[in-house]
């Protein structure tokens, strides 16, 4: 199984970052260099340039790779205020509200 997994992930240009036992982490490519340098006939093939990667609903499922689109780098600053969702009060209140809904629903 592991040999087939390495073969497949290499064909889609993923790099093995770390493996421990049955758990493995791969990194997807950051640019199209690997995709464009693959040998002819490697599966899965690249999509045609006119294929829309966002047009996925109600279409035929195809085993293809879309090249990465060129996008502008956007830097996102840290938010000044954050909600601490691990706060016991927030978690407890949310849990109680959901429990009340389910109790009413099940009656």
PDB file of N, CA and C in Angstrom:
ATOM      1  N   UNK A   1       0.815  -1.203   0.000  1.00  0.00           N
ATOM      2  CA  UNK A   1       0.000   0.000   0.000  1.00  0.00           C
ATOM      3  C   UNK A   1       0.856   1.263   0.000  1.00  0.00           C
ATOM      4  N   UNK A   2       1.909   1.257   0.807  1.00  0.00           N
ATOM      5  CA  UNK A   2       2.738   2.456   0.939  1.00  0.00           C
ATOM      6  C   UNK A   2       3.402   2.818  -0.387  1.00  0.00           C
ATOM      7  N   UNK A   3       3.868   1.830  -1.138  1.00  0.00           N
ATOM      8  CA  UNK A   3       4.508   2.094  -2.429  1.00  0.00           C
ATOM      9  C   UNK A   3       3.534   2.766  -3.390  1.00  0.00           C
ATOM     10  N   UNK A   4       2.286   2.274  -3.430  1.00  0.00           N
ATOM     11  CA  UNK A   4       1.275   2.881  -4.300  1.00  0.00           C
ATOM     12  C   UNK A   4       0.973   4.311  -3.867  1.00  0.00           C
ATOM     13  N   UNK A   5       0.936   4.560  -2.555  1.00  0.00           N
ATOM     14  CA  UNK A   5       0.667   5.911  -2.041  1.00  0.00           C
ATOM     15  C   UNK A   5       1.780   6.871  -2.451  1.00  0.00           C
ATOM     16  N   UNK A   6       3.015   6.453  -2.333  1.00  0.00           N
ATOM     17  CA  UNK A   6       4.146   7.295  -2.734  1.00  0.00           C
ATOM     18  C   UNK A   6       4.094   7.568  -4.237  1.00  0.00           C
ATOM     19  N   UNK A   7       3.781   6.543  -5.028  1.00  0.00           N
ATOM     20  CA  UNK A   7       3.684   6.717  -6.481  1.00  0.00           C
ATOM     21  C   UNK A   7       2.606   7.729  -6.829  1.00  0.00           C
ATOM     22  N   UNK A   8       1.436   7.608  -6.217  1.00  0.00           N
ATOM     23  CA  UNK A   8       0.337   8.531  -6.516  1.00  0.00           C
ATOM     24  C   UNK A   8       0.646   9.948  -6.063  1.00  0.00           C
ATOM     25  N   UNK A   9       1.113  10.114  -4.836  1.00  0.00           N
ATOM     26  CA  UNK A   9       1.380  11.470  -4.340  1.00  0.00           C
ATOM     27  C   UNK A   9       2.505  12.134  -5.124  1.00  0.00           C
ATOM     28  N   UNK A  10       3.457  11.378  -5.596  1.00  0.00           N
ATOM     29  CA  UNK A  10       4.516  11.940  -6.437  1.00  0.00           C
ATOM     30  C   UNK A  10       3.950  12.379  -7.781  1.00  0.00           C
ATOM     31  N   UNK A  11       2.987  11.619  -8.312  1.00  0.00           N
ATOM     32  CA  UNK A  11       2.419  11.971  -9.615  1.00  0.00           C
ATOM     33  C   UNK A  11       1.579  13.246  -9.552  1.00  0.00           C
ATOM     34  N   UNK A  12       1.073  13.594  -8.366  1.00  0.00           N
ATOM     35  CA  UNK A  12       0.310  14.834  -8.220  1.00  0.00           C
ATOM     36  C   UNK A  12       1.168  15.929  -7.562  1.00  0.00           C
ATOM     37  N   UNK A  13       2.474  15.700  -7.529  1.00  0.00           N
ATOM     38  CA  UNK A  13       3.461  16.695  -7.078  1.00  0.00           C
ATOM     39  C   UNK A  13       3.384  17.043  -5.596  1.00  0.00           C
ATOM     40  N   UNK A  14       2.972  16.100  -4.763  1.00  0.00           N
ATOM     41  CA  UNK A  14       2.978  16.337  -3.329  1.00  0.00           C
ATOM     42  C   UNK A  14       4.308  15.844  -2.768  1.00  0.00           C
ATOM     43  N   UNK A  15       4.847  16.569  -1.797  1.00  0.00           N
ATOM     44  CA  UNK A  15       6.101  16.196  -1.140  1.00  0.00           C
ATOM     45  C   UNK A  15       5.801  15.628   0.245  1.00  0.00           C
ATOM     46  N   UNK A  16       6.406  14.488   0.555  1.00  0.00           N
ATOM     47  CA  UNK A  16       6.256  13.896   1.878  1.00  0.00           C
ATOM     48  C   UNK A  16       7.040  14.738   2.877  1.00  0.00           C
ATOM     49  N   UNK A  17       6.348  15.260   3.867  1.00  0.00           N
ATOM     50  CA  UNK A  17       6.984  16.103   4.879  1.00  0.00           C
ATOM     51  C   UNK A  17       7.434  15.262   6.060  1.00  0.00           C
ATOM     52  N   UNK A  18       6.528  14.386   6.527  1.00  0.00           N
ATOM     53  CA  UNK A  18       6.866  13.573   7.698  1.00  0.00           C
ATOM     54  C   UNK A  18       5.984  12.329   7.712  1.00  0.00           C
ATOM     55  N   UNK A  19       6.561  11.253   8.198  1.00  0.00           N
ATOM     56  CA  UNK A  19       5.812  10.008   8.351  1.00  0.00           C
ATOM     57  C   UNK A  19       6.178   9.368   9.666  1.00  0.00           C
ATOM     58  N   UNK A  20       5.141   8.998  10.410  1.00  0.00           N
ATOM     59  CA  UNK A  20       5.329   8.245  11.650  1.00  0.00           C
ATOM     60  C   UNK A  20       4.288   7.143  11.673  1.00  0.00           C
ATOM     61  N   UNK A  21       4.725   5.908  11.554  1.00  0.00           N
ATOM     62  CA  UNK A  21       3.795   4.783  11.549  1.00  0.00           C
ATOM     63  C   UNK A  21       2.828   4.878  10.382  1.00  0.00           C
ATOM     64  N   UNK A  22       1.530   4.910  10.706  1.00  0.00           N
ATOM     65  CA  UNK A  22       0.498   4.967   9.671  1.00  0.00           C
ATOM     66  C   UNK A  22       0.046   6.396   9.354  1.00  0.00           C
ATOM     67  N   UNK A  23       0.711   7.375   9.923  1.00  0.00           N
ATOM     68  CA  UNK A  23       0.333   8.775   9.702  1.00  0.00           C
ATOM     69  C   UNK A  23       1.406   9.445   8.856  1.00  0.00           C
ATOM     70  N   UNK A  24       0.958  10.151   7.817  1.00  0.00           N
ATOM     71  CA  UNK A  24       1.894  10.853   6.939  1.00  0.00           C
ATOM     72  C   UNK A  24       1.332  12.232   6.623  1.00  0.00           C
ATOM     73  N   UNK A  25       2.231  13.185   6.447  1.00  0.00           N
ATOM     74  CA  UNK A  25       1.842  14.556   6.097  1.00  0.00           C
ATOM     75  C   UNK A  25       2.535  14.921   4.796  1.00  0.00           C
ATOM     76  N   UNK A  26       1.727  15.381   3.824  1.00  0.00           N
ATOM     77  CA  UNK A  26       2.267  15.820   2.539  1.00  0.00           C
ATOM     78  C   UNK A  26       2.045  17.303   2.364  1.00  0.00           C
ATOM     79  N   UNK A  27       2.891  17.917   1.561  1.00  0.00           N
ATOM     80  CA  UNK A  27       2.733  19.327   1.215  1.00  0.00           C
ATOM     81  C   UNK A  27       2.414  19.428  -0.266  1.00  0.00           C
ATOM     82  N   UNK A  28       1.338  20.167  -0.570  1.00  0.00           N
ATOM     83  CA  UNK A  28       0.980  20.408  -1.965  1.00  0.00           C
ATOM     84  C   UNK A  28       1.939  21.439  -2.544  1.00  0.00           C
ATOM     85  N   UNK A  29       2.087  21.471  -3.865  1.00  0.00           N
ATOM     86  CA  UNK A  29       3.028  22.420  -4.472  1.00  0.00           C
ATOM     87  C   UNK A  29       2.568  23.866  -4.299  1.00  0.00           C
ATOM     88  N   UNK A  30       3.532  24.761  -4.237  1.00  0.00           N
ATOM     89  CA  UNK A  30       3.249  26.190  -4.093  1.00  0.00           C
ATOM     90  C   UNK A  30       3.201  26.896  -5.440  1.00  0.00           C
ATOM     91  N   UNK A  31       3.698  26.219  -6.488  1.00  0.00           N
ATOM     92  CA  UNK A  31       3.669  26.803  -7.832  1.00  0.00           C
ATOM     93  C   UNK A  31       3.527  25.671  -8.851  1.00  0.00           C
ATOM     94  N   UNK A  32       3.533  26.015 -10.122  1.00  0.00           N
ATOM     95  CA  UNK A  32       3.285  25.031 -11.182  1.00  0.00           C
ATOM     96  C   UNK A  32       4.543  24.354 -11.726  1.00  0.00           C
ATOM     97  N   UNK A  33       5.690  24.602 -11.142  1.00  0.00           N
ATOM     98  CA  UNK A  33       6.944  24.065 -11.663  1.00  0.00           C
ATOM     99  C   UNK A  33       6.899  22.549 -11.825  1.00  0.00           C
ATOM    100  N   UNK A  34       6.462  21.847 -10.804  1.00  0.00           N
ATOM    101  CA  UNK A  34       6.413  20.380 -10.870  1.00  0.00           C
ATOM    102  C   UNK A  34       5.385  19.923 -11.895  1.00  0.00           C
ATOM    103  N   UNK A  35       4.198  20.547 -11.888  1.00  0.00           N
ATOM    104  CA  UNK A  35       3.153  20.153 -12.839  1.00  0.00           C
ATOM    105  C   UNK A  35       3.632  20.278 -14.280  1.00  0.00           C
ATOM    106  N   UNK A  36       4.282  21.384 -14.585  1.00  0.00           N
ATOM    107  CA  UNK A  36       4.688  21.654 -15.961  1.00  0.00           C
ATOM    108  C   UNK A  36       5.915  20.862 -16.391  1.00  0.00           C
ATOM    109  N   UNK A  37       6.644  20.283 -15.431  1.00  0.00           N
ATOM    110  CA  UNK A  37       7.843  19.516 -15.777  1.00  0.00           C
ATOM    111  C   UNK A  37       7.602  18.005 -15.776  1.00  0.00           C
ATOM    112  N   UNK A  38       6.368  17.585 -15.559  1.00  0.00           N
ATOM    113  CA  UNK A  38       6.067  16.142 -15.566  1.00  0.00           C
ATOM    114  C   UNK A  38       6.192  15.594 -16.981  1.00  0.00           C
ATOM    115  N   UNK A  39       6.553  14.325 -17.079  1.00  0.00           N
ATOM    116  CA  UNK A  39       6.690  13.675 -18.380  1.00  0.00           C
ATOM    117  C   UNK A  39       5.316  13.492 -19.017  1.00  0.00           C
ATOM    118  N   UNK A  40       5.285  13.430 -20.334  1.00  0.00           N
ATOM    119  CA  UNK A  40       4.026  13.202 -21.057  1.00  0.00           C
ATOM    120  C   UNK A  40       3.448  11.853 -20.660  1.00  0.00           C
ATOM    121  N   UNK A  41       2.140  11.800 -20.494  1.00  0.00           N
ATOM    122  CA  UNK A  41       1.471  10.550 -20.174  1.00  0.00           C
ATOM    123  C   UNK A  41       1.354  10.251 -18.698  1.00  0.00           C
ATOM    124  N   UNK A  42       1.938  11.089 -17.834  1.00  0.00           N
ATOM    125  CA  UNK A  42       1.829  10.863 -16.389  1.00  0.00           C
ATOM    126  C   UNK A  42       0.378  11.097 -15.977  1.00  0.00           C
ATOM    127  N   UNK A  43      -0.147  10.198 -15.149  1.00  0.00           N
ATOM    128  CA  UNK A  43      -1.518  10.325 -14.685  1.00  0.00           C
ATOM    129  C   UNK A  43      -1.516  10.826 -13.257  1.00  0.00           C
ATOM    130  N   UNK A  44      -2.424  11.658 -12.850  1.00  0.00           N
ATOM    131  CA  UNK A  44      -3.494  12.225 -13.658  1.00  0.00           C
ATOM    132  C   UNK A  44      -2.974  13.354 -14.544  1.00  0.00           C
ATOM    133  N   UNK A  45      -3.620  13.542 -15.703  1.00  0.00           N
ATOM    134  CA  UNK A  45      -3.184  14.601 -16.612  1.00  0.00           C
ATOM    135  C   UNK A  45      -3.624  15.980 -16.117  1.00  0.00           C
ATOM    136  N   UNK A  46      -3.007  17.007 -16.683  1.00  0.00           N
ATOM    137  CA  UNK A  46      -3.419  18.370 -16.376  1.00  0.00           C
ATOM    138  C   UNK A  46      -4.691  18.709 -17.142  1.00  0.00           C
ATOM    139  N   UNK A  47      -5.511  19.568 -16.569  1.00  0.00           N
ATOM    140  CA  UNK A  47      -6.729  20.027 -17.244  1.00  0.00           C
ATOM    141  C   UNK A  47      -6.364  20.935 -18.410  1.00  0.00           C
ATOM    142  N   UNK A  48      -7.306  21.084 -19.323  1.00  0.00           N
ATOM    143  CA  UNK A  48      -7.131  22.070 -20.393  1.00  0.00           C
ATOM    144  C   UNK A  48      -7.176  23.461 -19.793  1.00  0.00           C
ATOM    145  N   UNK A  49      -6.507  24.387 -20.422  1.00  0.00           N
ATOM    146  CA  UNK A  49      -6.463  25.751 -19.892  1.00  0.00           C
ATOM    147  C   UNK A  49      -7.835  26.409 -19.821  1.00  0.00           C
ATOM    148  N   UNK A  50      -8.775  25.978 -20.668  1.00  0.00           N
ATOM    149  CA  UNK A  50     -10.101  26.603 -20.670  1.00  0.00           C
ATOM    150  C   UNK A  50     -11.059  25.953 -19.672  1.00  0.00           C
ATOM    151  N   UNK A  51     -10.625  24.906 -18.962  1.00  0.00           N
ATOM    152  CA  UNK A  51     -11.468  24.303 -17.930  1.00  0.00           C
ATOM    153  C   UNK A  51     -11.552  25.234 -16.726  1.00  0.00           C
ATOM    154  N   UNK A  52     -12.750  25.366 -16.166  1.00  0.00           N
ATOM    155  CA  UNK A  52     -12.967  26.232 -15.006  1.00  0.00           C
ATOM    156  C   UNK A  52     -12.883  25.398 -13.736  1.00  0.00           C
ATOM    157  N   UNK A  53     -11.874  25.611 -12.880  1.00  0.00           N
ATOM    158  CA  UNK A  53     -11.728  24.801 -11.669  1.00  0.00           C
ATOM    159  C   UNK A  53     -12.856  25.028 -10.671  1.00  0.00           C
ATOM    160  N   UNK A  54     -13.605  26.116 -10.814  1.00  0.00           N
ATOM    161  CA  UNK A  54     -14.703  26.392  -9.893  1.00  0.00           C
ATOM    162  C   UNK A  54     -16.037  25.843 -10.384  1.00  0.00           C
ATOM    163  N   UNK A  55     -16.081  25.334 -11.599  1.00  0.00           N
ATOM    164  CA  UNK A  55     -17.311  24.785 -12.161  1.00  0.00           C
ATOM    165  C   UNK A  55     -17.371  23.287 -11.867  1.00  0.00           C
ATOM    166  N   UNK A  56     -17.731  22.948 -10.615  1.00  0.00           N
ATOM    167  CA  UNK A  56     -17.674  21.553 -10.186  1.00  0.00           C
ATOM    168  C   UNK A  56     -19.041  20.937  -9.938  1.00  0.00           C
ATOM    169  N   UNK A  57     -20.083  21.725  -9.904  1.00  0.00           N
ATOM    170  CA  UNK A  57     -21.409  21.205  -9.593  1.00  0.00           C
ATOM    171  C   UNK A  57     -22.087  20.648 -10.826  1.00  0.00           C
ATOM    172  N   UNK A  58     -22.684  19.500 -10.702  1.00  0.00           N
ATOM    173  CA  UNK A  58     -23.495  18.856 -11.728  1.00  0.00           C
ATOM    174  C   UNK A  58     -22.712  18.567 -13.002  1.00  0.00           C
ATOM    175  N   UNK A  59     -21.434  18.407 -12.883  1.00  0.00           N
ATOM    176  CA  UNK A  59     -20.604  18.085 -14.040  1.00  0.00           C
ATOM    177  C   UNK A  59     -20.098  16.658 -13.944  1.00  0.00           C
ATOM    178  N   UNK A  60     -19.437  16.224 -14.971  1.00  0.00           N
ATOM    179  CA  UNK A  60     -18.851  14.894 -14.987  1.00  0.00           C
ATOM    180  C   UNK A  60     -17.570  14.912 -14.164  1.00  0.00           C
ATOM    181  N   UNK A  61     -17.420  13.945 -13.292  1.00  0.00           N
ATOM    182  CA  UNK A  61     -16.225  13.844 -12.470  1.00  0.00           C
ATOM    183  C   UNK A  61     -15.058  13.406 -13.339  1.00  0.00           C
ATOM    184  N   UNK A  62     -13.962  14.177 -13.313  1.00  0.00           N
ATOM    185  CA  UNK A  62     -12.789  13.856 -14.122  1.00  0.00           C
ATOM    186  C   UNK A  62     -11.561  13.770 -13.225  1.00  0.00           C
ATOM    187  N   UNK A  63     -10.674  12.877 -13.554  1.00  0.00           N
ATOM    188  CA  UNK A  63      -9.442  12.676 -12.795  1.00  0.00           C
ATOM    189  C   UNK A  63      -8.352  13.523 -13.435  1.00  0.00           C
ATOM    190  N   UNK A  64      -8.336  14.812 -13.088  1.00  0.00           N
ATOM    191  CA  UNK A  64      -7.409  15.776 -13.681  1.00  0.00           C
ATOM    192  C   UNK A  64      -6.825  16.681 -12.599  1.00  0.00           C
ATOM    193  N   UNK A  65      -5.734  17.358 -12.935  1.00  0.00           N
ATOM    194  CA  UNK A  65      -5.131  18.335 -12.029  1.00  0.00           C
ATOM    195  C   UNK A  65      -5.248  19.712 -12.669  1.00  0.00           C
ATOM    196  N   UNK A  66      -5.749  20.662 -11.913  1.00  0.00           N
ATOM    197  CA  UNK A  66      -5.761  22.051 -12.374  1.00  0.00           C
ATOM    198  C   UNK A  66      -4.446  22.702 -11.966  1.00  0.00           C
ATOM    199  N   UNK A  67      -3.847  23.440 -12.874  1.00  0.00           N
ATOM    200  CA  UNK A  67      -2.640  24.181 -12.506  1.00  0.00           C
ATOM    201  C   UNK A  67      -3.041  25.264 -11.520  1.00  0.00           C
ATOM    202  N   UNK A  68      -2.094  25.697 -10.742  1.00  0.00           N
ATOM    203  CA  UNK A  68      -2.365  26.728  -9.752  1.00  0.00           C
ATOM    204  C   UNK A  68      -2.514  28.071 -10.445  1.00  0.00           C
ATOM    205  N   UNK A  69      -3.520  28.818 -10.038  1.00  0.00           N
ATOM    206  CA  UNK A  69      -3.748  30.135 -10.611  1.00  0.00           C
ATOM    207  C   UNK A  69      -2.773  31.132 -10.009  1.00  0.00           C
ATOM    208  N   UNK A  70      -2.372  32.111 -10.795  1.00  0.00           N
ATOM    209  CA  UNK A  70      -1.505  33.159 -10.281  1.00  0.00           C
ATOM    210  C   UNK A  70      -2.363  34.145  -9.513  1.00  0.00           C
ATOM    211  N   UNK A  71      -2.023  34.361  -8.272  1.00  0.00           N
ATOM    212  CA  UNK A  71      -2.781  35.288  -7.437  1.00  0.00           C
ATOM    213  C   UNK A  71      -1.832  36.268  -6.787  1.00  0.00           C
ATOM    214  N   UNK A  72      -2.374  37.395  -6.384  1.00  0.00           N
ATOM    215  CA  UNK A  72      -1.575  38.362  -5.660  1.00  0.00           C
ATOM    216  C   UNK A  72      -1.440  37.899  -4.215  1.00  0.00           C
ATOM    217  N   UNK A  73      -0.298  38.131  -3.653  1.00  0.00           N
ATOM    218  CA  UNK A  73      -0.097  37.797  -2.253  1.00  0.00           C
ATOM    219  C   UNK A  73      -0.807  38.832  -1.402  1.00  0.00           C
ATOM    220  N   UNK A  74      -1.593  38.360  -0.460  1.00  0.00           N
ATOM    221  CA  UNK A  74      -2.329  39.258   0.422  1.00  0.00           C
ATOM    222  C   UNK A  74      -1.889  38.975   1.841  1.00  0.00           C
ATOM    223  N   UNK A  75      -1.432  40.003   2.515  1.00  0.00           N
ATOM    224  CA  UNK A  75      -1.017  39.833   3.899  1.00  0.00           C
ATOM    225  C   UNK A  75      -2.182  40.211   4.795  1.00  0.00           C
ATOM    226  N   UNK A  76      -2.504  39.323   5.700  1.00  0.00           N
ATOM    227  CA  UNK A  76      -3.615  39.551   6.614  1.00  0.00           C
ATOM    228  C   UNK A  76      -3.046  39.843   7.992  1.00  0.00           C
ATOM    229  N   UNK A  77      -3.432  40.983   8.541  1.00  0.00           N
ATOM    230  CA  UNK A  77      -2.960  41.358   9.866  1.00  0.00           C
ATOM    231  C   UNK A  77      -3.716  40.614  10.949  1.00  0.00           C
ATOM    232  N   UNK A  78      -3.185  40.630  12.131  1.00  0.00           N
ATOM    233  CA  UNK A  78      -3.850  39.981  13.251  1.00  0.00           C
ATOM    234  C   UNK A  78      -5.051  40.805  13.678  1.00  0.00           C
ATOM    235  N   UNK A  79      -6.104  40.129  14.062  1.00  0.00           N
ATOM    236  CA  UNK A  79      -7.276  40.831  14.570  1.00  0.00           C
ATOM    237  C   UNK A  79      -6.947  41.362  15.956  1.00  0.00           C
ATOM    238  N   UNK A  80      -7.458  42.553  16.240  1.00  0.00           N
ATOM    239  CA  UNK A  80      -7.151  43.157  17.531  1.00  0.00           C
ATOM    240  C   UNK A  80      -7.942  42.523  18.670  1.00  0.00           C
ATOM    241  N   UNK A  81      -9.180  42.104  18.368  1.00  0.00           N
ATOM    242  CA  UNK A  81      -9.984  41.467  19.411  1.00  0.00           C
ATOM    243  C   UNK A  81     -10.327  40.062  18.960  1.00  0.00           C
ATOM    244  N   UNK A  82     -10.279  39.177  19.893  1.00  0.00           N
ATOM    245  CA  UNK A  82     -10.585  37.777  19.604  1.00  0.00           C
ATOM    246  C   UNK A  82     -11.518  37.245  20.669  1.00  0.00           C
ATOM    247  N   UNK A  83     -12.349  36.298  20.260  1.00  0.00           N
ATOM    248  CA  UNK A  83     -13.223  35.627  21.213  1.00  0.00           C
ATOM    249  C   UNK A  83     -12.525  34.355  21.651  1.00  0.00           C
ATOM    250  N   UNK A  84     -12.448  34.157  22.928  1.00  0.00           N
ATOM    251  CA  UNK A  84     -11.825  32.951  23.456  1.00  0.00           C
ATOM    252  C   UNK A  84     -12.880  31.856  23.507  1.00  0.00           C
ATOM    253  N   UNK A  85     -12.936  31.026  22.450  1.00  0.00           N
ATOM    254  CA  UNK A  85     -13.949  29.981  22.377  1.00  0.00           C
ATOM    255  C   UNK A  85     -13.685  28.837  23.342  1.00  0.00           C
ATOM    256  N   UNK A  86     -12.514  28.820  23.921  1.00  0.00           N
ATOM    257  CA  UNK A  86     -12.239  27.760  24.883  1.00  0.00           C
ATOM    258  C   UNK A  86     -12.679  28.157  26.287  1.00  0.00           C
ATOM    259  N   UNK A  87     -13.233  29.362  26.422  1.00  0.00           N
ATOM    260  CA  UNK A  87     -13.724  29.805  27.722  1.00  0.00           C
ATOM    261  C   UNK A  87     -14.839  28.877  28.181  1.00  0.00           C
ATOM    262  N   UNK A  88     -14.791  28.392  29.408  1.00  0.00           N
ATOM    263  CA  UNK A  88     -15.833  27.472  29.887  1.00  0.00           C
ATOM    264  C   UNK A  88     -17.244  28.062  29.782  1.00  0.00           C
ATOM    265  N   UNK A  89     -17.396  29.368  30.033  1.00  0.00           N
ATOM    266  CA  UNK A  89     -18.720  29.982  29.965  1.00  0.00           C
ATOM    267  C   UNK A  89     -19.278  29.945  28.551  1.00  0.00           C
ATOM    268  N   UNK A  90     -18.446  30.267  27.561  1.00  0.00           N
ATOM    269  CA  UNK A  90     -18.904  30.278  26.168  1.00  0.00           C
ATOM    270  C   UNK A  90     -19.285  28.869  25.734  1.00  0.00           C
ATOM    271  N   UNK A  91     -18.444  27.887  26.029  1.00  0.00           N
ATOM    272  CA  UNK A  91     -18.707  26.503  25.643  1.00  0.00           C
ATOM    273  C   UNK A  91     -19.951  25.986  26.345  1.00  0.00           C
ATOM    274  N   UNK A  92     -20.090  26.245  27.645  1.00  0.00           N
ATOM    275  CA  UNK A  92     -21.237  25.754  28.412  1.00  0.00           C
ATOM    276  C   UNK A  92     -22.533  26.376  27.905  1.00  0.00           C
ATOM    277  N   UNK A  93     -22.555  27.688  27.680  1.00  0.00           N
ATOM    278  CA  UNK A  93     -23.766  28.362  27.211  1.00  0.00           C
ATOM    279  C   UNK A  93     -24.176  27.853  25.832  1.00  0.00           C
ATOM    280  N   UNK A  94     -23.213  27.638  24.959  1.00  0.00           N
ATOM    281  CA  UNK A  94     -23.504  27.121  23.626  1.00  0.00           C
ATOM    282  C   UNK A  94     -24.064  25.709  23.719  1.00  0.00           C
ATOM    283  N   UNK A  95     -23.465  24.896  24.559  1.00  0.00           N
ATOM    284  CA  UNK A  95     -23.922  23.521  24.735  1.00  0.00           C
ATOM    285  C   UNK A  95     -25.346  23.495  25.270  1.00  0.00           C
ATOM    286  N   UNK A  96     -25.633  24.312  26.277  1.00  0.00           N
ATOM    287  CA  UNK A  96     -26.970  24.333  26.885  1.00  0.00           C
ATOM    288  C   UNK A  96     -28.020  24.805  25.885  1.00  0.00           C
ATOM    289  N   UNK A  97     -27.677  25.804  25.067  1.00  0.00           N
ATOM    290  CA  UNK A  97     -28.624  26.309  24.069  1.00  0.00           C
ATOM    291  C   UNK A  97     -28.937  25.219  23.040  1.00  0.00           C
ATOM    292  N   UNK A  98     -27.925  24.503  22.605  1.00  0.00           N
ATOM    293  CA  UNK A  98     -28.150  23.436  21.634  1.00  0.00           C
ATOM    294  C   UNK A  98     -28.924  22.278  22.259  1.00  0.00           C
ATOM    295  N   UNK A  99     -28.655  21.973  23.507  1.00  0.00           N
ATOM    296  CA  UNK A  99     -29.357  20.888  24.183  1.00  0.00           C
ATOM    297  C   UNK A  99     -30.843  21.226  24.304  1.00  0.00           C
ATOM    298  N   UNK A 100     -31.173  22.471  24.634  1.00  0.00           N
ATOM    299  CA  UNK A 100     -32.573  22.883  24.727  1.00  0.00           C
ATOM    300  C   UNK A 100     -33.286  22.715  23.396  1.00  0.00           C
ATOM    301  N   UNK A 101     -32.627  23.059  22.312  1.00  0.00           N
ATOM    302  CA  UNK A 101     -33.226  22.906  20.977  1.00  0.00           C
ATOM    303  C   UNK A 101     -33.518  21.440  20.700  1.00  0.00           C
ATOM    304  N   UNK A 102     -32.556  20.549  20.989  1.00  0.00           N
ATOM    305  CA  UNK A 102     -32.751  19.126  20.718  1.00  0.00           C
ATOM    306  C   UNK A 102     -33.843  18.531  21.598  1.00  0.00           C
ATOM    307  N   UNK A 103     -33.918  18.957  22.848  1.00  0.00           N
ATOM    308  CA  UNK A 103     -34.956  18.428  23.739  1.00  0.00           C
ATOM    309  C   UNK A 103     -36.333  18.801  23.216  1.00  0.00           C
ATOM    310  N   UNK A 104     -36.498  20.064  22.787  1.00  0.00           N
ATOM    311  CA  UNK A 104     -37.785  20.488  22.219  1.00  0.00           C
ATOM    312  C   UNK A 104     -38.084  19.753  20.920  1.00  0.00           C
ATOM    313  N   UNK A 105     -37.072  19.528  20.115  1.00  0.00           N
ATOM    314  CA  UNK A 105     -37.252  18.842  18.840  1.00  0.00           C
ATOM    315  C   UNK A 105     -37.685  17.388  19.024  1.00  0.00           C
ATOM    316  N   UNK A 106     -37.106  16.725  20.017  1.00  0.00           N
ATOM    317  CA  UNK A 106     -37.372  15.304  20.227  1.00  0.00           C
ATOM    318  C   UNK A 106     -38.692  15.028  20.941  1.00  0.00           C
ATOM    319  N   UNK A 107     -39.279  16.036  21.554  1.00  0.00           N
ATOM    320  CA  UNK A 107     -40.557  15.821  22.258  1.00  0.00           C
ATOM    321  C   UNK A 107     -41.638  15.699  21.320  1.00  0.00           C
TER     322      UNK A 107
END
